[in-house]
N, C-alpha and C. Protein backbone atom coordinates (compact mmCIF):
# COMPACT_ATOMS: atom_id res chain seq x y z
N THR A 1 10.31 5.88 -6.73
CA THR A 1 9.36 4.84 -7.10
C THR A 1 8.33 5.43 -6.57
N THR A 2 6.95 4.44 -6.90
CA THR A 2 5.64 5.20 -6.02
C THR A 2 5.13 4.24 -4.61
N LEU A 3 6.33 3.67 -4.22
CA LEU A 3 6.32 3.53 -3.37
C LEU A 3 5.83 4.03 -2.41
N PRO A 4 5.55 5.40 -2.26
CA PRO A 4 5.45 6.05 -0.94
C PRO A 4 3.51 5.60 -1.07
N ASP A 5 2.67 5.78 -2.32
CA ASP A 5 1.77 5.98 -2.27
C ASP A 5 0.68 4.35 -2.55
N ALA A 6 1.87 3.34 -2.47
CA ALA A 6 1.47 2.55 -2.06
C ALA A 6 0.14 1.99 -0.90
N GLY A 7 0.46 2.51 -0.34
CA GLY A 7 0.01 2.20 1.16
C GLY A 7 -1.33 2.98 0.96
N TYR A 8 -1.26 4.18 0.31
CA TYR A 8 -2.97 4.22 0.30
C TYR A 8 -4.07 3.56 -0.58
N HIS A 9 -3.51 2.94 -1.93
CA HIS A 9 -4.16 1.84 -2.61
C HIS A 9 -4.18 0.77 -1.59
N ALA A 10 -3.31 0.55 -0.76
CA ALA A 10 -4.01 -0.72 -0.08
C ALA A 10 -4.81 -0.66 1.02
N GLY A 11 -4.94 0.62 1.26
CA GLY A 11 -5.48 1.10 2.37
C GLY A 11 -5.22 1.25 3.86
N GLN A 12 -3.86 1.41 3.60
CA GLN A 12 -2.62 1.60 4.83
C GLN A 12 -1.96 2.87 5.05
N PHE A 13 -3.20 3.91 5.32
CA PHE A 13 -3.01 4.99 5.58
C PHE A 13 -2.00 5.76 6.03
N GLN A 14 -1.43 5.09 7.97
CA GLN A 14 -0.55 4.93 8.28
C GLN A 14 1.22 4.82 7.36
N PHE A 15 1.13 4.06 6.82
CA PHE A 15 2.39 3.53 5.92
C PHE A 15 2.45 4.84 5.10
N ALA A 16 0.91 4.88 4.52
CA ALA A 16 1.57 6.15 3.40
C ALA A 16 1.80 7.39 4.04
N SER A 17 1.35 7.89 5.19
CA SER A 17 1.63 8.82 5.76
C SER A 17 3.27 9.14 5.95
N GLN A 18 3.60 7.89 6.76
CA GLN A 18 4.97 7.55 7.44
C GLN A 18 6.18 7.51 6.04
N ALA A 19 5.71 7.22 4.73
CA ALA A 19 6.41 7.24 3.53
C ALA A 19 6.63 8.43 2.75
N HIS A 20 5.31 9.31 3.36
CA HIS A 20 6.05 11.12 3.00
C HIS A 20 6.74 11.55 4.11
N GLN A 21 7.09 11.37 4.98
CA GLN A 21 7.70 12.29 5.91
C GLN A 21 9.29 12.00 5.91
N PHE A 22 9.82 13.42 5.86
CA PHE A 22 11.28 13.41 5.70
C PHE A 22 12.07 12.22 6.31
N GLY A 23 11.88 12.27 7.53
CA GLY A 23 12.80 11.23 8.39
C GLY A 23 12.92 10.01 8.25
N ASN A 24 11.76 9.33 7.14
CA ASN A 24 11.79 7.79 7.10
C ASN A 24 12.08 8.09 5.51
N LEU A 25 12.70 8.62 4.83
CA LEU A 25 13.38 8.04 3.33
C LEU A 25 14.44 7.30 3.46
N LEU A 26 14.71 6.87 3.94
CA LEU A 26 15.76 5.90 4.56
C LEU A 26 15.15 4.51 4.11
N THR A 27 14.18 4.22 4.75
CA THR A 27 13.47 3.13 5.37
C THR A 27 12.37 3.22 4.46
N HIS A 28 11.90 3.87 4.03
CA HIS A 28 10.55 3.89 3.59
C HIS A 28 10.72 4.34 1.40
N ASN A 29 11.73 4.22 1.00
CA ASN A 29 12.08 5.03 0.04
C ASN A 29 13.40 4.29 -0.75
N LEU A 30 14.46 4.84 0.14
CA LEU A 30 15.91 3.93 -0.69
C LEU A 30 15.86 2.70 -0.03
N LEU A 31 15.96 1.92 0.69
CA LEU A 31 16.13 0.29 0.57
C LEU A 31 14.91 -0.09 -0.12
N PRO A 32 13.71 0.16 0.12
CA PRO A 32 12.44 -0.21 -0.92
C PRO A 32 12.71 -0.14 -2.71
N GLY A 33 13.74 1.14 -3.15
CA GLY A 33 14.43 1.20 -4.52
C GLY A 33 15.16 0.06 -4.50
N TRP A 34 16.20 0.19 -3.91
CA TRP A 34 17.29 -1.07 -4.13
C TRP A 34 16.61 -2.19 -4.23
N LEU A 35 15.77 -2.50 -3.63
CA LEU A 35 15.20 -3.96 -3.78
C LEU A 35 14.34 -4.30 -4.99
N LEU A 36 13.55 -3.06 -5.73
CA LEU A 36 12.58 -3.53 -6.70
C LEU A 36 13.82 -2.86 -8.03
N LEU A 37 14.97 -2.16 -7.57
CA LEU A 37 16.08 -2.13 -9.03
C LEU A 37 16.55 -3.56 -9.22
N GLY A 38 16.99 -4.64 -7.70
CA GLY A 38 17.30 -5.67 -7.97
C GLY A 38 16.22 -6.65 -8.61
N ALA A 39 15.23 -6.94 -8.55
CA ALA A 39 14.54 -7.48 -8.33
C ALA A 39 13.86 -7.03 -9.94
N SER A 40 13.60 -6.12 -10.46
CA SER A 40 13.45 -5.47 -12.12
C SER A 40 14.46 -6.23 -12.76
N ALA A 41 15.97 -6.27 -12.24
CA ALA A 41 17.12 -6.66 -13.32
C ALA A 41 17.00 -8.36 -13.42
N VAL A 42 16.83 -8.92 -12.35
CA VAL A 42 16.04 -10.50 -12.71
C VAL A 42 14.90 -10.23 -13.22
N THR A 43 13.50 -9.94 -13.04
CA THR A 43 12.59 -9.98 -13.70
C THR A 43 12.69 -9.51 -15.69
N VAL A 44 13.31 -8.35 -15.73
CA VAL A 44 13.52 -8.02 -16.62
C VAL A 44 15.25 -8.82 -17.75
N ARG A 45 15.41 -9.22 -17.24
CA ARG A 45 16.49 -10.21 -18.07
C ARG A 45 16.17 -11.40 -18.45
N GLY A 46 14.67 -12.44 -17.72
CA GLY A 46 14.42 -13.40 -17.88
C GLY A 46 13.06 -13.01 -19.23
N LEU A 47 12.45 -11.76 -19.17
CA LEU A 47 11.72 -11.68 -20.07
C LEU A 47 12.60 -10.97 -21.40
N ILE A 48 13.41 -10.56 -21.60
CA ILE A 48 14.50 -10.49 -22.81
C ILE A 48 14.81 -11.16 -23.25
N VAL A 49 14.97 -12.65 -22.90
CA VAL A 49 15.44 -13.99 -23.06
C VAL A 49 14.56 -14.50 -24.08
N CYS A 50 12.83 -14.25 -23.77
CA CYS A 50 12.00 -14.54 -24.60
C CYS A 50 11.79 -13.77 -26.00
N LEU A 51 12.92 -12.62 -26.45
CA LEU A 51 12.32 -11.77 -27.38
C LEU A 51 13.34 -12.52 -28.71
N PRO A 52 12.53 -12.18 -30.03
CA PRO A 52 13.19 -12.47 -31.28
C PRO A 52 14.85 -11.64 -31.15
N PRO A 53 15.97 -12.26 -31.88
CA PRO A 53 17.11 -11.73 -31.58
C PRO A 53 17.44 -10.54 -31.67
N ALA A 54 16.79 -9.96 -32.48
CA ALA A 54 17.04 -8.32 -32.67
C ALA A 54 16.59 -7.68 -31.70
N HIS A 55 15.30 -8.20 -31.32
CA HIS A 55 15.17 -6.62 -30.09
C HIS A 55 15.22 -7.23 -28.87
N ARG A 56 16.14 -8.65 -28.53
CA ARG A 56 16.71 -8.92 -27.33
C ARG A 56 18.39 -8.26 -27.25
N SER A 57 19.03 -8.13 -28.63
CA SER A 57 20.10 -7.64 -28.85
C SER A 57 20.00 -6.14 -28.16
N VAL A 58 18.85 -5.28 -28.41
CA VAL A 58 18.81 -3.95 -28.46
C VAL A 58 18.71 -4.08 -26.65
N TRP A 59 17.57 -4.37 -26.19
CA TRP A 59 17.01 -4.76 -24.97
C TRP A 59 18.38 -5.25 -23.90
N GLN A 60 19.07 -5.95 -24.20
CA GLN A 60 20.06 -6.03 -23.81
C GLN A 60 21.11 -4.73 -23.24
N GLN A 61 21.35 -4.40 -24.46
CA GLN A 61 21.98 -2.87 -24.04
C GLN A 61 21.36 -2.22 -23.06
N LEU A 62 19.94 -2.07 -23.56
CA LEU A 62 19.70 -1.14 -22.44
C LEU A 62 19.66 -1.29 -21.13
N THR A 63 19.23 -2.47 -20.58
CA THR A 63 19.18 -2.43 -19.59
C THR A 63 20.71 -3.57 -18.81
N ALA A 64 21.68 -3.49 -19.42
CA ALA A 64 22.91 -3.54 -19.14
C ALA A 64 23.57 -2.87 -17.88
N LEU A 65 23.57 -3.62 -16.93
CA LEU A 65 24.51 -3.35 -15.33
C LEU A 65 26.13 -2.88 -15.78
N PRO A 66 26.57 -2.01 -15.05
CA PRO A 66 27.99 -1.19 -15.16
C PRO A 66 28.55 -2.79 -15.22
N PRO A 67 30.11 -2.68 -15.84
CA PRO A 67 30.90 -4.07 -15.75
C PRO A 67 31.05 -4.42 -13.86
N ALA A 68 31.41 -3.44 -13.37
CA ALA A 68 32.03 -3.19 -11.65
C ALA A 68 30.77 -2.45 -11.09
N VAL A 69 30.14 -2.72 -9.89
CA VAL A 69 29.31 -1.79 -9.58
C VAL A 69 30.40 -1.19 -8.63
N THR A 70 30.91 0.28 -8.47
CA THR A 70 31.51 0.95 -7.66
C THR A 70 30.94 1.62 -6.86
N LEU A 71 31.55 2.01 -5.89
CA LEU A 71 31.18 2.74 -4.66
C LEU A 71 30.27 4.33 -5.73
N ALA A 72 30.97 4.94 -6.14
CA ALA A 72 30.62 6.04 -7.15
C ALA A 72 29.16 5.71 -7.57
N TRP A 73 29.03 4.47 -8.26
CA TRP A 73 27.68 4.45 -8.86
C TRP A 73 27.02 3.95 -7.98
N VAL A 74 27.12 3.41 -6.80
CA VAL A 74 25.95 2.74 -5.25
C VAL A 74 25.65 4.60 -5.08
N VAL A 75 26.91 5.15 -5.23
CA VAL A 75 26.00 6.72 -4.26
C VAL A 75 25.20 7.10 -4.91
N ARG A 76 25.58 7.22 -6.38
CA ARG A 76 24.79 7.97 -8.03
C ARG A 76 23.10 7.38 -7.60
N ILE A 77 23.20 6.17 -7.75
CA ILE A 77 22.04 5.55 -7.78
C ILE A 77 20.60 6.23 -6.27
N SER A 78 21.78 5.73 -6.01
CA SER A 78 21.26 6.34 -4.09
C SER A 78 20.55 7.52 -3.91
N GLY A 79 21.88 8.35 -4.87
CA GLY A 79 21.23 10.40 -5.16
C GLY A 79 19.72 10.19 -5.94
N LEU A 80 19.77 9.54 -7.25
CA LEU A 80 18.86 9.64 -7.78
C LEU A 80 17.02 8.84 -6.96
N PHE A 81 17.77 8.14 -6.05
CA PHE A 81 16.35 7.43 -5.38
C PHE A 81 16.16 8.50 -3.95
N LEU A 82 16.96 9.30 -3.55
CA LEU A 82 16.48 10.22 -2.89
C LEU A 82 15.83 11.89 -3.34
N LEU A 83 16.69 11.60 -4.36
CA LEU A 83 16.14 13.00 -4.82
C LEU A 83 14.63 12.80 -5.80
N GLY A 84 14.16 11.46 -6.45
CA GLY A 84 12.74 11.16 -6.22
C GLY A 84 12.20 11.03 -5.09
N ALA A 85 12.60 10.58 -3.75
CA ALA A 85 11.78 10.64 -3.09
C ALA A 85 11.35 11.66 -2.42
N LEU A 86 12.04 12.94 -2.45
CA LEU A 86 11.97 14.34 -2.27
C LEU A 86 11.17 15.17 -2.86
N THR A 87 11.04 15.24 -4.23
CA THR A 87 10.32 15.20 -4.88
C THR A 87 8.85 14.65 -5.47
N HIS A 88 8.65 13.68 -4.58
CA HIS A 88 7.65 13.14 -4.79
C HIS A 88 6.44 14.01 -4.50
N PRO A 89 6.48 14.79 -3.19
CA PRO A 89 5.48 15.64 -2.97
C PRO A 89 4.90 16.31 -3.72
N LEU A 90 6.18 17.13 -4.64
CA LEU A 90 5.72 18.10 -5.60
C LEU A 90 5.31 17.46 -6.49
N TRP A 91 5.26 16.33 -6.73
CA TRP A 91 4.54 15.75 -8.30
C TRP A 91 3.09 15.72 -7.54
N ASP A 92 2.56 15.26 -6.55
CA ASP A 92 1.64 14.83 -6.15
C ASP A 92 0.73 16.01 -5.97
N GLY A 93 1.73 16.95 -6.18
CA GLY A 93 0.71 18.23 -5.76
C GLY A 93 0.24 18.78 -7.05
N PHE A 94 0.53 18.25 -8.35
CA PHE A 94 0.39 18.18 -9.38
C PHE A 94 -1.22 17.50 -9.78
N THR A 95 -1.49 16.16 -9.09
CA THR A 95 -2.40 15.07 -9.36
C THR A 95 -3.20 15.35 -8.25
């Protein structure tokens, strides 16, 4: 997510500095990542209903959650959140 940089945009430089530290991966990156995933799943489903049927069916397939949330799925998504958080400072170097 771009949450680590949100502190810079909101003038909360202490939060932004903490979010870029390795020790804060869980509190500043993993937990907010799960919260954003949940919020976006709810929001996107609400917006998909407004689409024409042809577009709706495509977007429903693209945004479908797995039939059963398994431990392996949770670990995989958590790993992706952490990978993004660990490589975030690298990408910041390009901007």
